[in-house]
PDB file of N, CA and C in Angstrom:
ATOM      1  N   MET A   1      -2.370  11.401  -3.097  1.00  0.00           N
ATOM      2  CA  MET A   1      -1.999  12.597  -2.366  1.00  0.00           C
ATOM      3  C   MET A   1      -2.244  12.409  -0.866  1.00  0.00           C
ATOM      4  N   LEU A   2      -3.349  11.788  -0.550  1.00  0.00           N
ATOM      5  CA  LEU A   2      -3.662  11.554   0.861  1.00  0.00           C
ATOM      6  C   LEU A   2      -2.629  10.617   1.492  1.00  0.00           C
ATOM      7  N   PHE A   3      -2.173   9.630   0.711  1.00  0.00           N
ATOM      8  CA  PHE A   3      -1.143   8.725   1.205  1.00  0.00           C
ATOM      9  C   PHE A   3       0.140   9.485   1.528  1.00  0.00           C
ATOM     10  N   LEU A   4       0.511  10.423   0.678  1.00  0.00           N
ATOM     11  CA  LEU A   4       1.722  11.219   0.905  1.00  0.00           C
ATOM     12  C   LEU A   4       1.603  12.056   2.176  1.00  0.00           C
ATOM     13  N   VAL A   5       0.464  12.659   2.386  1.00  0.00           N
ATOM     14  CA  VAL A   5       0.242  13.462   3.596  1.00  0.00           C
ATOM     15  C   VAL A   5       0.315  12.575   4.838  1.00  0.00           C
ATOM     16  N   ALA A   6      -0.307  11.404   4.769  1.00  0.00           N
ATOM     17  CA  ALA A   6      -0.272  10.489   5.913  1.00  0.00           C
ATOM     18  C   ALA A   6       1.149   9.998   6.181  1.00  0.00           C
ATOM     19  N   ALA A   7       1.906   9.713   5.123  1.00  0.00           N
ATOM     20  CA  ALA A   7       3.283   9.262   5.299  1.00  0.00           C
ATOM     21  C   ALA A   7       4.144  10.353   5.922  1.00  0.00           C
ATOM     22  N   LEU A   8       3.986  11.576   5.489  1.00  0.00           N
ATOM     23  CA  LEU A   8       4.755  12.682   6.069  1.00  0.00           C
ATOM     24  C   LEU A   8       4.363  12.932   7.522  1.00  0.00           C
ATOM     25  N   LEU A   9       3.089  12.809   7.834  1.00  0.00           N
ATOM     26  CA  LEU A   9       2.633  12.968   9.217  1.00  0.00           C
ATOM     27  C   LEU A   9       3.223  11.873  10.095  1.00  0.00           C
ATOM     28  N   LEU A  10       3.211  10.641   9.618  1.00  0.00           N
ATOM     29  CA  LEU A  10       3.784   9.534  10.374  1.00  0.00           C
ATOM     30  C   LEU A  10       5.287   9.720  10.554  1.00  0.00           C
ATOM     31  N   LEU A  11       5.974  10.176   9.514  1.00  0.00           N
ATOM     32  CA  LEU A  11       7.405  10.429   9.610  1.00  0.00           C
ATOM     33  C   LEU A  11       7.695  11.490  10.671  1.00  0.00           C
ATOM     34  N   GLY A  12       6.902  12.542  10.702  1.00  0.00           N
ATOM     35  CA  GLY A  12       7.082  13.583  11.711  1.00  0.00           C
ATOM     36  C   GLY A  12       6.878  13.066  13.121  1.00  0.00           C
ATOM     37  N   VAL A  13       5.893  12.218  13.306  1.00  0.00           N
ATOM     38  CA  VAL A  13       5.633  11.646  14.633  1.00  0.00           C
ATOM     39  C   VAL A  13       6.785  10.748  15.056  1.00  0.00           C
ATOM     40  N   VAL A  14       7.266   9.909  14.126  1.00  0.00           N
ATOM     41  CA  VAL A  14       8.355   8.986  14.458  1.00  0.00           C
ATOM     42  C   VAL A  14       9.625   9.760  14.762  1.00  0.00           C
ATOM     43  N   LEU A  15       9.954  10.749  13.953  1.00  0.00           N
ATOM     44  CA  LEU A  15      11.162  11.528  14.206  1.00  0.00           C
ATOM     45  C   LEU A  15      11.049  12.306  15.503  1.00  0.00           C
ATOM     46  N   GLY A  16       9.883  12.785  15.826  1.00  0.00           N
ATOM     47  CA  GLY A  16       9.685  13.479  17.095  1.00  0.00           C
ATOM     48  C   GLY A  16       9.868  12.548  18.278  1.00  0.00           C
ATOM     49  N   THR A  17       9.412  11.316  18.127  1.00  0.00           N
ATOM     50  CA  THR A  17       9.574  10.325  19.197  1.00  0.00           C
ATOM     51  C   THR A  17      11.033   9.960  19.377  1.00  0.00           C
ATOM     52  N   VAL A  18      11.742   9.787  18.279  1.00  0.00           N
ATOM     53  CA  VAL A  18      13.159   9.421  18.354  1.00  0.00           C
ATOM     54  C   VAL A  18      13.973  10.551  18.985  1.00  0.00           C
ATOM     55  N   ALA A  19      13.594  11.768  18.748  1.00  0.00           N
ATOM     56  CA  ALA A  19      14.328  12.898  19.310  1.00  0.00           C
ATOM     57  C   ALA A  19      14.254  12.914  20.836  1.00  0.00           C
ATOM     58  N   HIS A  20      13.195  12.347  21.406  1.00  0.00           N
ATOM     59  CA  HIS A  20      13.028  12.359  22.861  1.00  0.00           C
ATOM     60  C   HIS A  20      13.446  11.049  23.517  1.00  0.00           C
ATOM     61  N   ALA A  21      13.767  10.044  22.719  1.00  0.00           N
ATOM     62  CA  ALA A  21      14.173   8.753  23.270  1.00  0.00           C
ATOM     63  C   ALA A  21      15.672   8.773  23.566  1.00  0.00           C
ATOM     64  N   PRO A  22      16.105   7.989  24.541  1.00  0.00           N
ATOM     65  CA  PRO A  22      17.542   7.890  24.810  1.00  0.00           C
ATOM     66  C   PRO A  22      18.287   7.306  23.609  1.00  0.00           C
ATOM     67  N   LEU A  23      19.546   7.681  23.454  1.00  0.00           N
ATOM     68  CA  LEU A  23      20.329   7.243  22.305  1.00  0.00           C
ATOM     69  C   LEU A  23      20.485   5.729  22.269  1.00  0.00           C
ATOM     70  N   SER A  24      20.702   5.091  23.415  1.00  0.00           N
ATOM     71  CA  SER A  24      20.877   3.634  23.427  1.00  0.00           C
ATOM     72  C   SER A  24      19.608   2.925  22.952  1.00  0.00           C
ATOM     73  N   PHE A  25      18.458   3.403  23.381  1.00  0.00           N
ATOM     74  CA  PHE A  25      17.183   2.826  22.941  1.00  0.00           C
ATOM     75  C   PHE A  25      17.003   3.003  21.436  1.00  0.00           C
ATOM     76  N   THR A  26      17.324   4.173  20.933  1.00  0.00           N
ATOM     77  CA  THR A  26      17.200   4.459  19.509  1.00  0.00           C
ATOM     78  C   THR A  26      18.094   3.538  18.692  1.00  0.00           C
ATOM     79  N   LEU A  27      19.326   3.312  19.147  1.00  0.00           N
ATOM     80  CA  LEU A  27      20.247   2.451  18.420  1.00  0.00           C
ATOM     81  C   LEU A  27      19.793   0.996  18.432  1.00  0.00           C
ATOM     82  N   VAL A  28      19.251   0.532  19.542  1.00  0.00           N
ATOM     83  CA  VAL A  28      18.754  -0.846  19.626  1.00  0.00           C
ATOM     84  C   VAL A  28      17.567  -1.030  18.686  1.00  0.00           C
ATOM     85  N   VAL A  29      16.654  -0.100  18.706  1.00  0.00           N
ATOM     86  CA  VAL A  29      15.480  -0.192  17.823  1.00  0.00           C
ATOM     87  C   VAL A  29      15.907  -0.118  16.360  1.00  0.00           C
ATOM     88  N   ALA A  30      16.859   0.745  16.036  1.00  0.00           N
ATOM     89  CA  ALA A  30      17.351   0.844  14.663  1.00  0.00           C
ATOM     90  C   ALA A  30      17.998  -0.465  14.223  1.00  0.00           C
ATOM     91  N   ALA A  31      18.743  -1.109  15.116  1.00  0.00           N
ATOM     92  CA  ALA A  31      19.373  -2.389  14.789  1.00  0.00           C
ATOM     93  C   ALA A  31      18.320  -3.474  14.561  1.00  0.00           C
ATOM     94  N   VAL A  32      17.299  -3.504  15.393  1.00  0.00           N
ATOM     95  CA  VAL A  32      16.228  -4.498  15.227  1.00  0.00           C
ATOM     96  C   VAL A  32      15.522  -4.294  13.888  1.00  0.00           C
ATOM     97  N   ILE A  33      15.218  -3.063  13.548  1.00  0.00           N
ATOM     98  CA  ILE A  33      14.553  -2.784  12.274  1.00  0.00           C
ATOM     99  C   ILE A  33      15.463  -3.155  11.104  1.00  0.00           C
ATOM    100  N   GLY A  34      16.760  -2.879  11.226  1.00  0.00           N
ATOM    101  CA  GLY A  34      17.699  -3.234  10.173  1.00  0.00           C
ATOM    102  C   GLY A  34      17.777  -4.735   9.946  1.00  0.00           C
ATOM    103  N   VAL A  35      17.813  -5.507  11.032  1.00  0.00           N
ATOM    104  CA  VAL A  35      17.839  -6.970  10.915  1.00  0.00           C
ATOM    105  C   VAL A  35      16.541  -7.471  10.290  1.00  0.00           C
ATOM    106  N   TRP A  36      15.430  -6.902  10.718  1.00  0.00           N
ATOM    107  CA  TRP A  36      14.129  -7.282  10.168  1.00  0.00           C
ATOM    108  C   TRP A  36      14.091  -7.042   8.658  1.00  0.00           C
ATOM    109  N   LEU A  37      14.570  -5.882   8.210  1.00  0.00           N
ATOM    110  CA  LEU A  37      14.585  -5.578   6.780  1.00  0.00           C
ATOM    111  C   LEU A  37      15.539  -6.491   6.018  1.00  0.00           C
ATOM    112  N   ALA A  38      16.677  -6.830   6.620  1.00  0.00           N
ATOM    113  CA  ALA A  38      17.617  -7.729   5.957  1.00  0.00           C
ATOM    114  C   ALA A  38      17.022  -9.124   5.798  1.00  0.00           C
ATOM    115  N   VAL A  39      16.342  -9.620   6.812  1.00  0.00           N
ATOM    116  CA  VAL A  39      15.695 -10.930   6.723  1.00  0.00           C
ATOM    117  C   VAL A  39      14.599 -10.901   5.664  1.00  0.00           C
ATOM    118  N   PHE A  40      13.829  -9.835   5.642  1.00  0.00           N
ATOM    119  CA  PHE A  40      12.765  -9.704   4.644  1.00  0.00           C
ATOM    120  C   PHE A  40      13.353  -9.696   3.233  1.00  0.00           C
ATOM    121  N   ALA A  41      14.426  -8.944   3.023  1.00  0.00           N
ATOM    122  CA  ALA A  41      15.053  -8.873   1.705  1.00  0.00           C
ATOM    123  C   ALA A  41      15.604 -10.224   1.293  1.00  0.00           C
ATOM    124  N   ALA A  42      16.213 -10.945   2.223  1.00  0.00           N
ATOM    125  CA  ALA A  42      16.755 -12.270   1.913  1.00  0.00           C
ATOM    126  C   ALA A  42      15.636 -13.242   1.550  1.00  0.00           C
ATOM    127  N   ARG A  43      14.542 -13.192   2.273  1.00  0.00           N
ATOM    128  CA  ARG A  43      13.417 -14.077   1.964  1.00  0.00           C
ATOM    129  C   ARG A  43      12.816 -13.753   0.604  1.00  0.00           C
ATOM    130  N   GLU A  44      12.687 -12.474   0.290  1.00  0.00           N
ATOM    131  CA  GLU A  44      12.154 -12.071  -1.010  1.00  0.00           C
ATOM    132  C   GLU A  44      13.076 -12.520  -2.133  1.00  0.00           C
ATOM    133  N   ARG A  45      14.368 -12.331  -1.968  1.00  0.00           N
ATOM    134  CA  ARG A  45      15.324 -12.740  -2.992  1.00  0.00           C
ATOM    135  C   ARG A  45      15.274 -14.254  -3.194  1.00  0.00           C
ATOM    136  N   HIS A  46      15.196 -14.985  -2.089  1.00  0.00           N
ATOM    137  CA  HIS A  46      15.142 -16.447  -2.171  1.00  0.00           C
ATOM    138  C   HIS A  46      13.864 -16.897  -2.881  1.00  0.00           C
ATOM    139  N   SER A  47      12.742 -16.290  -2.567  1.00  0.00           N
ATOM    140  CA  SER A  47      11.481 -16.706  -3.185  1.00  0.00           C
ATOM    141  C   SER A  47      11.446 -16.341  -4.666  1.00  0.00           C
ATOM    142  N   ARG A  48      12.058 -15.238  -5.054  1.00  0.00           N
ATOM    143  CA  ARG A  48      12.077 -14.878  -6.476  1.00  0.00           C
ATOM    144  C   ARG A  48      12.990 -15.801  -7.268  1.00  0.00           C
ATOM    145  N   ARG A  49      14.109 -16.193  -6.688  1.00  0.00           N
ATOM    146  CA  ARG A  49      15.004 -17.125  -7.377  1.00  0.00           C
ATOM    147  C   ARG A  49      14.314 -18.472  -7.565  1.00  0.00           C
ATOM    148  N   ARG A  50      13.598 -18.914  -6.537  1.00  0.00           N
ATOM    149  CA  ARG A  50      12.909 -20.189  -6.616  1.00  0.00           C
ATOM    150  C   ARG A  50      11.769 -20.131  -7.636  1.00  0.00           C
ATOM    151  N   ALA A  51      11.085 -19.003  -7.742  1.00  0.00           N
ATOM    152  CA  ALA A  51       9.987 -18.851  -8.694  1.00  0.00           C
ATOM    153  C   ALA A  51      10.508 -18.815 -10.128  1.00  0.00           C
ATOM    154  N   ASN A  52      11.700 -18.265 -10.349  1.00  0.00           N
ATOM    155  CA  ASN A  52      12.269 -18.178 -11.687  1.00  0.00           C
ATOM    156  C   ASN A  52      12.755 -19.532 -12.211  1.00  0.00           C
ATOM    157  N   THR A  53      13.115 -20.444 -11.311  1.00  0.00           N
ATOM    158  CA  THR A  53      13.627 -21.738 -11.747  1.00  0.00           C
ATOM    159  C   THR A  53      12.508 -22.678 -12.161  1.00  0.00           C
ATOM    160  N   ASN A  54      11.270 -22.417 -11.765  1.00  0.00           N
ATOM    161  CA  ASN A  54      10.138 -23.298 -12.122  1.00  0.00           C
ATOM    162  C   ASN A  54       9.643 -23.048 -13.512  1.00  0.00           C
TER     163      ASN A  54
END
């Protein structure tokens, strides 16, 4: 329960920050986070495939 409260508080802070940031900055940061998540997903998929073949 405490984790949920902390996550909602963090979400509120982040959304409040994004609301005051310029749109171009928000889009650049969103793109960086998207690339980061895509790289992470690709690495996880690659490591799971390699673990299954052993």
